[in-house]
Amino acid sequence: MSKARRINFNVLLISAESWSGHWVSKHHYAKALVDAGISVYFLEPPTLGSKKFTVQEAKDVLGVHVLSCRRVFPALQYIPGIFRRLIERRWLNSLERFLDINFDVVWLFENSRFFDMRFAAHRLKIYHQVDLNQNFHPLTAAKTADIVLCTSDVIANNLAKSGKKIHKIHHGVTLHQGNPQTLSESSKIKNSDINAAYVGNLDIDYLDLPLLEEAVSMHPEIVFHLVGGYCSEGETYSALKKYQNVRWWGQVNPAAVASILHTIDISLLIYKAETYRDQLSSPHKVMEYLAAGAVCVATYTDEYKDRPELLQMAERREDYLLLLAEVVKSLEVYNSPDAVKCRQAFAGSHTYSKQLQRIVAIIENAGFKMPILRARDE
């Protein structure tokens, strides 16, 4: 498909993660914007370099300009608000002069810096919170934005304290076509086994490692595929390396993740849900799981509490292993063509290009303009 024609419309996207790191929501939205013809300037976290600004084209996405800069000002968060906004506004004006452009939109995905969005003055100001644990100055960011977006009811309820109208936009997903045939021929996935997969950082505090180990120990007939980064000296590897039914993939690219998920029978969400109930209300990885279609056995996940057709969810931790055993016993029911189709249809209705169109509609309904020439589906 041909590239979208560029238009004279520029978005400054402020991210707590670098462009070259693991892709999360802000990376995908940056790509959706440039696919629609808009120029994106992706501001990474501050660097220790001596240059005030550096900019380079992203090698993997034409139209994304990756910005790096040193700190705007030392200990800026401790300076009175009126002076902090003045310093940040001067910084933004100098960035525009450096780039020889004007920003039409400032899209903020964090709240540890630039959280008082009044620094952006007349530009359209969007505050977009995708994780509850981004909890430095969320109410200030929401109160001073023109448009407030979030991904879950839990975040929306918190941001509502700002007095602003909150718009929930569910997590998006990029659809990759998996290649099950290639992977099933590898030594790591065999068609004769029941295959389950967990995707994500294997050393994250949220992972319920004792519960995962119980599942592995109780189900030798299942091959557990652990897909994501881990430390060989860490607790997860130390606890599970003795089990013959565990396969370690390490960190793999998104297309490979999709291929794995299209091949397995069960996806796993296995978190310390009772300890981190709010923080785990809507994990992004669920959308990747649903896009592949296999049944997902999950610890409690608030955003899906009324969607049993999407997730098989244990209300309590002690119910998780019973639920997993029930799913294994009736896999042909849980992975029936209709069940798979339902999960994939939900994911397909929430691609990033579709989410962007929903956001544009919110912006225009609020009386602002944001031209989108063409939002290309993934």
Protein backbone atom coordinates (compact mmCIF):
# COMPACT_ATOMS: atom_id res chain seq x y z
CA MET A 1 0.00 0.00 0.00
CA SER A 2 1.32 3.46 -0.84
CA LYS A 3 2.50 5.81 1.87
CA ALA A 4 0.10 8.45 3.16
CA ARG A 5 0.71 11.93 1.81
CA ARG A 6 2.33 14.14 4.46
CA ILE A 7 0.38 17.15 5.62
CA ASN A 8 1.52 20.24 7.47
CA PHE A 9 0.42 18.99 10.87
CA ASN A 10 2.89 18.13 13.63
CA VAL A 11 2.48 16.19 16.87
CA LEU A 12 4.91 16.29 19.78
CA LEU A 13 4.50 12.95 21.57
CA ILE A 14 6.08 12.91 25.05
CA SER A 15 7.07 9.44 26.24
CA ALA A 16 8.50 7.93 29.41
CA GLU A 17 10.13 5.22 27.26
CA SER A 18 12.72 5.52 24.53
CA TRP A 19 11.88 4.82 20.92
CA SER A 20 14.30 1.90 20.70
CA GLY A 21 12.86 0.07 23.71
CA HIS A 22 10.02 -2.45 23.88
CA TRP A 23 7.07 -1.06 21.93
CA VAL A 24 4.10 0.01 24.02
CA SER A 25 1.05 2.18 23.37
CA LYS A 26 2.86 5.43 22.53
CA HIS A 27 5.03 3.72 19.92
CA HIS A 28 2.00 2.20 18.23
CA TYR A 29 0.10 5.49 18.27
CA ALA A 30 3.11 7.23 16.75
CA LYS A 31 3.05 4.73 13.89
CA ALA A 32 -0.72 5.06 13.46
CA LEU A 33 -0.35 8.83 13.20
CA VAL A 34 2.34 8.71 10.53
CA ASP A 35 0.39 6.06 8.64
CA ALA A 36 -2.40 8.65 8.55
CA GLY A 37 -0.12 11.33 7.09
CA ILE A 38 0.84 13.27 10.23
CA SER A 39 4.42 14.05 11.25
CA VAL A 40 5.34 12.80 14.72
CA TYR A 41 8.17 14.04 16.92
CA PHE A 42 8.74 11.40 19.60
CA LEU A 43 10.38 12.92 22.69
CA GLU A 44 12.39 10.37 24.66
CA PRO A 45 13.33 10.64 28.36
CA PRO A 46 16.12 13.16 29.13
CA THR A 47 19.71 12.22 28.32
CA LEU A 48 22.99 13.25 29.91
CA GLY A 49 24.39 14.53 26.62
CA SER A 50 25.77 18.01 26.17
CA LYS A 51 23.52 18.96 23.24
CA LYS A 52 20.28 20.74 23.99
CA PHE A 53 18.44 18.91 21.19
CA THR A 54 19.15 16.08 18.80
CA VAL A 55 16.75 14.69 16.20
CA GLN A 56 16.98 11.70 13.90
CA GLU A 57 14.58 9.79 11.68
CA ALA A 58 13.35 6.51 13.11
CA LYS A 59 14.81 3.77 10.93
CA ASP A 60 11.83 1.46 11.37
CA VAL A 61 8.96 3.95 10.84
CA LEU A 62 9.21 6.59 8.13
CA GLY A 63 7.75 9.86 9.38
CA VAL A 64 8.67 9.48 13.07
CA HIS A 65 11.37 11.92 14.22
CA VAL A 66 13.05 10.78 17.44
CA LEU A 67 13.95 13.67 19.73
CA SER A 68 16.49 13.57 22.54
CA CYS A 69 17.37 16.41 24.86
CA ARG A 70 19.07 17.06 28.14
CA ARG A 71 17.03 18.08 31.19
CA VAL A 72 14.97 21.19 30.66
CA PHE A 73 16.16 22.66 33.98
CA PRO A 74 17.70 21.20 37.18
CA ALA A 75 15.17 20.27 39.89
CA LEU A 76 12.39 21.73 37.77
CA GLN A 77 9.68 19.89 39.71
CA TYR A 78 10.52 21.92 42.84
CA ILE A 79 10.16 25.31 41.17
CA PRO A 80 6.86 27.20 41.69
CA GLY A 81 4.35 26.39 38.96
CA ILE A 82 4.23 29.81 37.32
CA PHE A 83 8.00 29.78 36.80
CA ARG A 84 8.11 26.10 35.82
CA ARG A 85 5.53 26.67 33.09
CA LEU A 86 7.47 29.69 31.82
CA ILE A 87 10.69 27.66 31.61
CA GLU A 88 8.94 24.76 29.85
CA ARG A 89 7.16 27.13 27.44
CA ARG A 90 10.46 28.77 26.49
CA TRP A 91 11.94 25.30 26.03
CA LEU A 92 9.07 24.31 23.71
CA ASN A 93 9.45 27.50 21.68
CA SER A 94 13.17 26.92 21.32
CA LEU A 95 12.50 23.31 20.21
CA GLU A 96 10.18 24.61 17.49
CA ARG A 97 12.85 27.08 16.33
CA PHE A 98 15.43 24.28 16.28
CA LEU A 99 13.16 22.09 14.14
CA ASP A 100 11.77 25.03 12.12
CA ILE A 101 8.20 23.84 12.63
CA ASN A 102 5.16 24.61 14.78
CA PHE A 103 3.54 21.91 16.86
CA ASP A 104 -0.22 21.58 16.49
CA VAL A 105 -0.62 18.95 19.23
CA VAL A 106 1.24 18.06 22.40
CA TRP A 107 0.31 14.47 23.31
CA LEU A 108 1.50 13.57 26.80
CA PHE A 109 1.84 9.88 27.76
CA GLU A 110 3.42 10.46 31.17
CA ASN A 111 2.99 12.69 34.19
CA SER A 112 6.44 12.94 35.77
CA ARG A 113 7.46 15.90 33.54
CA PHE A 114 5.52 18.49 31.54
CA PHE A 115 2.56 17.48 33.74
CA ASP A 116 1.15 21.02 33.88
CA MET A 117 0.08 21.11 30.27
CA ARG A 118 -0.53 24.85 30.31
CA PHE A 119 3.09 25.16 29.19
CA ALA A 120 1.87 24.14 25.70
CA ALA A 121 -0.28 27.32 25.52
CA HIS A 122 -2.54 27.46 22.42
CA ARG A 123 -1.60 24.02 21.08
CA LEU A 124 -4.06 21.13 21.42
CA LYS A 125 -3.14 19.38 24.67
CA ILE A 126 -3.88 15.64 25.05
CA TYR A 127 -3.16 13.74 28.25
CA HIS A 128 -3.25 9.96 27.72
CA GLN A 129 -2.76 7.64 30.70
CA VAL A 130 -2.36 3.97 29.85
CA ASP A 131 -1.00 2.64 33.16
CA LEU A 132 -2.20 3.26 36.71
CA ASN A 133 1.34 3.08 38.06
CA GLN A 134 2.17 6.26 36.13
CA ASN A 135 1.21 8.17 39.26
CA PHE A 136 3.32 11.30 39.74
CA HIS A 137 0.96 14.17 38.85
CA PRO A 138 -1.98 12.59 36.99
CA LEU A 139 -4.67 14.96 38.24
CA THR A 140 -2.68 18.07 37.30
CA ALA A 141 -2.05 16.62 33.85
CA ALA A 142 -5.73 15.83 33.40
CA LYS A 143 -6.95 19.17 34.75
CA THR A 144 -4.70 21.18 32.41
CA ALA A 145 -5.30 19.12 29.24
CA ASP A 146 -7.88 19.82 26.55
CA ILE A 147 -8.56 16.11 25.98
CA VAL A 148 -8.09 13.37 28.61
CA LEU A 149 -7.79 9.73 27.51
CA CYS A 150 -7.23 6.54 29.49
CA THR A 151 -7.43 2.78 29.01
CA SER A 152 -9.52 1.44 31.91
CA ASP A 153 -12.38 2.20 34.28
CA VAL A 154 -9.98 2.16 37.23
CA ILE A 155 -7.83 4.92 35.70
CA ALA A 156 -10.91 6.84 34.56
CA ASN A 157 -12.37 6.84 38.07
CA ASN A 158 -9.12 8.22 39.46
CA LEU A 159 -8.75 10.92 36.80
CA ALA A 160 -12.39 11.99 37.24
CA LYS A 161 -11.27 13.70 40.47
CA SER A 162 -9.73 16.37 38.22
CA GLY A 163 -13.20 17.53 37.23
CA LYS A 164 -12.49 17.00 33.52
CA LYS A 165 -14.40 14.77 31.12
CA ILE A 166 -12.54 11.48 30.82
CA HIS A 167 -12.66 9.38 27.64
CA LYS A 168 -11.86 5.68 27.91
CA ILE A 169 -10.07 4.26 24.87
CA HIS A 170 -9.36 0.57 25.32
CA HIS A 171 -5.85 -0.74 24.76
CA GLY A 172 -5.10 -1.15 21.07
CA VAL A 173 -3.40 -3.96 19.23
CA THR A 174 -1.27 -4.43 16.15
CA LEU A 175 -2.33 -7.44 14.13
CA HIS A 176 0.55 -9.65 13.05
CA GLN A 177 -0.11 -12.71 10.95
CA GLY A 178 1.40 -15.61 12.83
CA ASN A 179 3.06 -18.47 11.02
CA PRO A 180 2.13 -21.56 13.05
CA GLN A 181 3.51 -23.99 10.48
CA THR A 182 7.05 -22.63 10.78
CA LEU A 183 7.00 -22.65 14.55
CA SER A 184 5.32 -26.04 14.94
CA GLU A 185 8.25 -27.58 13.08
CA SER A 186 10.71 -26.20 15.62
CA SER A 187 11.87 -28.14 18.66
CA LYS A 188 10.06 -25.77 21.03
CA ILE A 189 6.46 -26.32 19.93
CA LYS A 190 5.04 -29.73 19.11
CA ASN A 191 1.56 -30.36 17.81
CA SER A 192 1.21 -33.46 19.97
CA ASP A 193 1.48 -31.47 23.22
CA ILE A 194 -0.87 -29.08 24.98
CA ASN A 195 0.97 -25.78 24.73
CA ALA A 196 0.46 -22.80 27.03
CA ALA A 197 2.29 -19.47 26.87
CA TYR A 198 3.01 -16.51 29.09
CA VAL A 199 4.35 -13.43 27.30
CA GLY A 200 6.13 -10.62 29.11
CA ASN A 201 8.95 -9.68 31.45
CA LEU A 202 9.56 -12.82 33.49
CA ASP A 203 11.22 -10.94 36.35
CA ILE A 204 8.45 -8.39 36.87
CA ASP A 205 7.17 -8.00 40.44
CA TYR A 206 3.57 -8.48 39.29
CA LEU A 207 4.16 -12.09 38.17
CA ASP A 208 2.78 -14.63 40.66
CA LEU A 209 5.72 -16.98 40.49
CA PRO A 210 4.54 -19.46 43.17
CA LEU A 211 1.21 -19.84 41.36
CA LEU A 212 2.96 -20.30 38.02
CA GLU A 213 5.24 -22.95 39.52
CA GLU A 214 2.22 -24.79 40.95
CA ALA A 215 0.63 -24.82 37.52
CA VAL A 216 3.81 -26.15 35.91
CA SER A 217 4.22 -28.83 38.58
CA MET A 218 0.58 -29.98 38.47
CA HIS A 219 0.39 -30.20 34.67
CA PRO A 220 3.31 -32.19 33.25
CA GLU A 221 1.13 -32.78 30.17
CA ILE A 222 1.32 -29.07 29.33
CA VAL A 223 4.38 -27.46 27.80
CA PHE A 224 4.71 -23.96 29.27
CA HIS A 225 6.32 -21.50 26.86
CA LEU A 226 7.79 -18.48 28.66
CA VAL A 227 8.28 -15.68 26.15
CA GLY A 228 10.12 -12.60 27.37
CA GLY A 229 13.25 -11.32 28.97
CA TYR A 230 14.61 -12.89 32.15
CA CYS A 231 17.78 -12.94 34.23
CA SER A 232 19.51 -16.30 34.49
CA GLU A 233 20.21 -15.46 38.14
CA GLY A 234 16.66 -14.27 38.79
CA GLU A 235 13.93 -15.90 40.85
CA THR A 236 11.82 -17.07 37.92
CA TYR A 237 14.56 -18.95 36.12
CA SER A 238 15.92 -20.35 39.39
CA ALA A 239 12.48 -21.66 40.37
CA LEU A 240 11.45 -23.16 37.02
CA LYS A 241 14.65 -24.32 35.34
CA LYS A 242 14.29 -27.80 36.85
CA TYR A 243 11.02 -28.51 35.04
CA GLN A 244 11.21 -30.44 31.79
CA ASN A 245 7.89 -29.00 30.57
CA VAL A 246 9.11 -25.37 30.52
CA ARG A 247 10.52 -23.80 27.35
CA TRP A 248 12.49 -20.56 27.57
CA TRP A 249 12.22 -18.28 24.55
CA GLY A 250 13.80 -15.11 25.86
CA GLN A 251 12.86 -11.80 24.28
CA VAL A 252 11.63 -12.14 20.70
CA ASN A 253 10.29 -9.66 18.15
CA PRO A 254 6.53 -8.88 17.94
CA ALA A 255 6.00 -10.95 14.79
CA ALA A 256 7.55 -13.98 16.49
CA VAL A 257 5.37 -13.42 19.55
CA ALA A 258 2.32 -13.47 17.28
CA SER A 259 3.47 -16.72 15.66
CA ILE A 260 3.92 -18.35 19.05
CA LEU A 261 0.50 -17.20 20.24
CA HIS A 262 -1.15 -18.44 17.05
CA THR A 263 0.37 -21.87 17.71
CA ILE A 264 -0.36 -22.48 21.40
CA ASP A 265 -3.59 -23.74 22.98
CA ILE A 266 -3.76 -21.59 26.13
CA SER A 267 -2.46 -18.11 26.95
CA LEU A 268 -1.72 -17.29 30.57
CA LEU A 269 -2.25 -14.18 32.66
CA ILE A 270 -0.90 -15.08 36.07
CA TYR A 271 -0.39 -12.06 38.28
CA LYS A 272 -0.52 -11.12 41.97
CA ALA A 273 -3.98 -9.77 41.31
CA GLU A 274 -5.03 -9.45 44.94
CA THR A 275 -1.96 -7.36 45.79
CA TYR A 276 -1.95 -5.22 42.64
CA ARG A 277 -5.66 -5.32 41.80
CA ASP A 278 -5.89 -1.75 40.45
CA GLN A 279 -2.51 -1.70 38.71
CA LEU A 280 -3.40 -4.90 36.85
CA SER A 281 -6.91 -3.84 35.85
CA SER A 282 -6.14 -3.92 32.11
CA PRO A 283 -2.78 -5.42 31.03
CA HIS A 284 -1.87 -4.56 27.45
CA LYS A 285 -0.80 -8.11 26.62
CA VAL A 286 -4.42 -9.32 26.82
CA MET A 287 -5.04 -7.73 23.42
CA GLU A 288 -2.18 -9.72 21.87
CA TYR A 289 -3.61 -12.87 23.41
CA LEU A 290 -7.10 -12.16 22.06
CA ALA A 291 -5.76 -11.37 18.59
CA ALA A 292 -4.29 -14.87 18.41
CA GLY A 293 -7.56 -16.44 19.55
CA ALA A 294 -6.56 -19.18 22.01
CA VAL A 295 -8.35 -19.30 25.34
CA CYS A 296 -6.77 -17.09 28.02
CA VAL A 297 -6.76 -18.29 31.64
CA ALA A 298 -6.37 -15.21 33.80
CA THR A 299 -6.11 -14.07 37.36
CA TYR A 300 -8.59 -11.31 38.23
CA THR A 301 -8.54 -8.53 35.62
CA ASP A 302 -11.07 -5.80 36.36
CA GLU A 303 -11.53 -4.46 32.82
CA TYR A 304 -12.76 -7.89 31.66
CA LYS A 305 -14.84 -8.85 34.70
CA ASP A 306 -18.03 -8.85 32.62
CA ARG A 307 -16.53 -10.41 29.48
CA PRO A 308 -16.34 -14.18 30.05
CA GLU A 309 -16.40 -14.74 26.29
CA LEU A 310 -12.96 -13.05 26.16
CA LEU A 311 -11.18 -14.25 29.31
CA GLN A 312 -11.58 -17.25 31.58
CA MET A 313 -10.93 -15.44 34.83
CA ALA A 314 -10.43 -16.69 38.37
CA GLU A 315 -12.11 -14.33 40.83
CA ARG A 316 -9.79 -15.53 43.60
CA ARG A 317 -6.20 -16.74 43.51
CA GLU A 318 -7.15 -20.10 45.03
CA ASP A 319 -9.50 -20.74 42.11
CA TYR A 320 -6.89 -20.31 39.40
CA LEU A 321 -5.54 -23.86 39.28
CA LEU A 322 -9.05 -25.33 39.29
CA LEU A 323 -9.96 -23.09 36.37
CA LEU A 324 -6.84 -24.08 34.46
CA ALA A 325 -7.63 -27.77 34.98
CA GLU A 326 -11.19 -27.22 33.73
CA VAL A 327 -9.96 -25.46 30.61
CA VAL A 328 -7.43 -28.20 29.87
CA LYS A 329 -10.16 -30.84 30.25
CA SER A 330 -12.48 -29.02 27.80
CA LEU A 331 -10.09 -27.38 25.37
CA GLU A 332 -12.25 -28.28 22.38
CA VAL A 333 -15.04 -26.16 23.89
CA TYR A 334 -12.93 -23.20 24.92
CA ASN A 335 -11.10 -23.18 21.60
CA SER A 336 -14.08 -23.88 19.39
CA PRO A 337 -14.12 -21.97 16.08
CA ASP A 338 -16.86 -19.66 17.38
CA ALA A 339 -14.97 -18.91 20.61
CA VAL A 340 -11.74 -18.16 18.74
CA LYS A 341 -13.61 -15.98 16.25
CA CYS A 342 -15.23 -13.97 19.07
CA ARG A 343 -11.89 -13.19 20.72
CA GLN A 344 -10.22 -12.28 17.44
CA ALA A 345 -13.16 -10.07 16.43
CA PHE A 346 -12.81 -8.05 19.64
CA ALA A 347 -9.09 -7.54 19.00
CA GLY A 348 -9.74 -6.67 15.36
CA SER A 349 -12.14 -3.92 16.40
CA HIS A 350 -9.44 -2.30 18.54
CA THR A 351 -6.47 -1.97 16.20
CA TYR A 352 -4.44 1.19 16.74
CA SER A 353 -5.72 2.74 13.54
CA LYS A 354 -9.32 2.21 14.71
CA GLN A 355 -8.48 3.60 18.15
CA LEU A 356 -6.93 6.65 16.48
CA GLN A 357 -10.14 7.24 14.55
CA ARG A 358 -12.09 7.10 17.82
CA ILE A 359 -9.70 9.62 19.36
CA VAL A 360 -10.05 11.96 16.38
CA ALA A 361 -13.84 11.79 16.78
CA ILE A 362 -13.49 12.77 20.46
CA ILE A 363 -11.23 15.68 19.52
CA GLU A 364 -13.58 16.97 16.85
CA ASN A 365 -16.64 16.57 19.09
CA ALA A 366 -14.84 18.79 21.61
CA GLY A 367 -14.50 21.51 18.99
CA PHE A 368 -10.88 20.94 17.94
CA LYS A 369 -9.50 19.89 14.57
CA MET A 370 -7.08 17.08 13.85
CA PRO A 371 -6.88 16.14 10.17
CA ILE A 372 -6.42 12.47 9.40
CA LEU A 373 -5.95 11.75 5.71
CA ARG A 374 -5.98 7.99 5.92
CA ALA A 375 -5.70 5.70 8.90
CA ARG A 376 -4.18 2.51 7.55
CA ASP A 377 -5.23 -0.63 9.37
CA GLU A 378 -2.47 -2.95 10.56
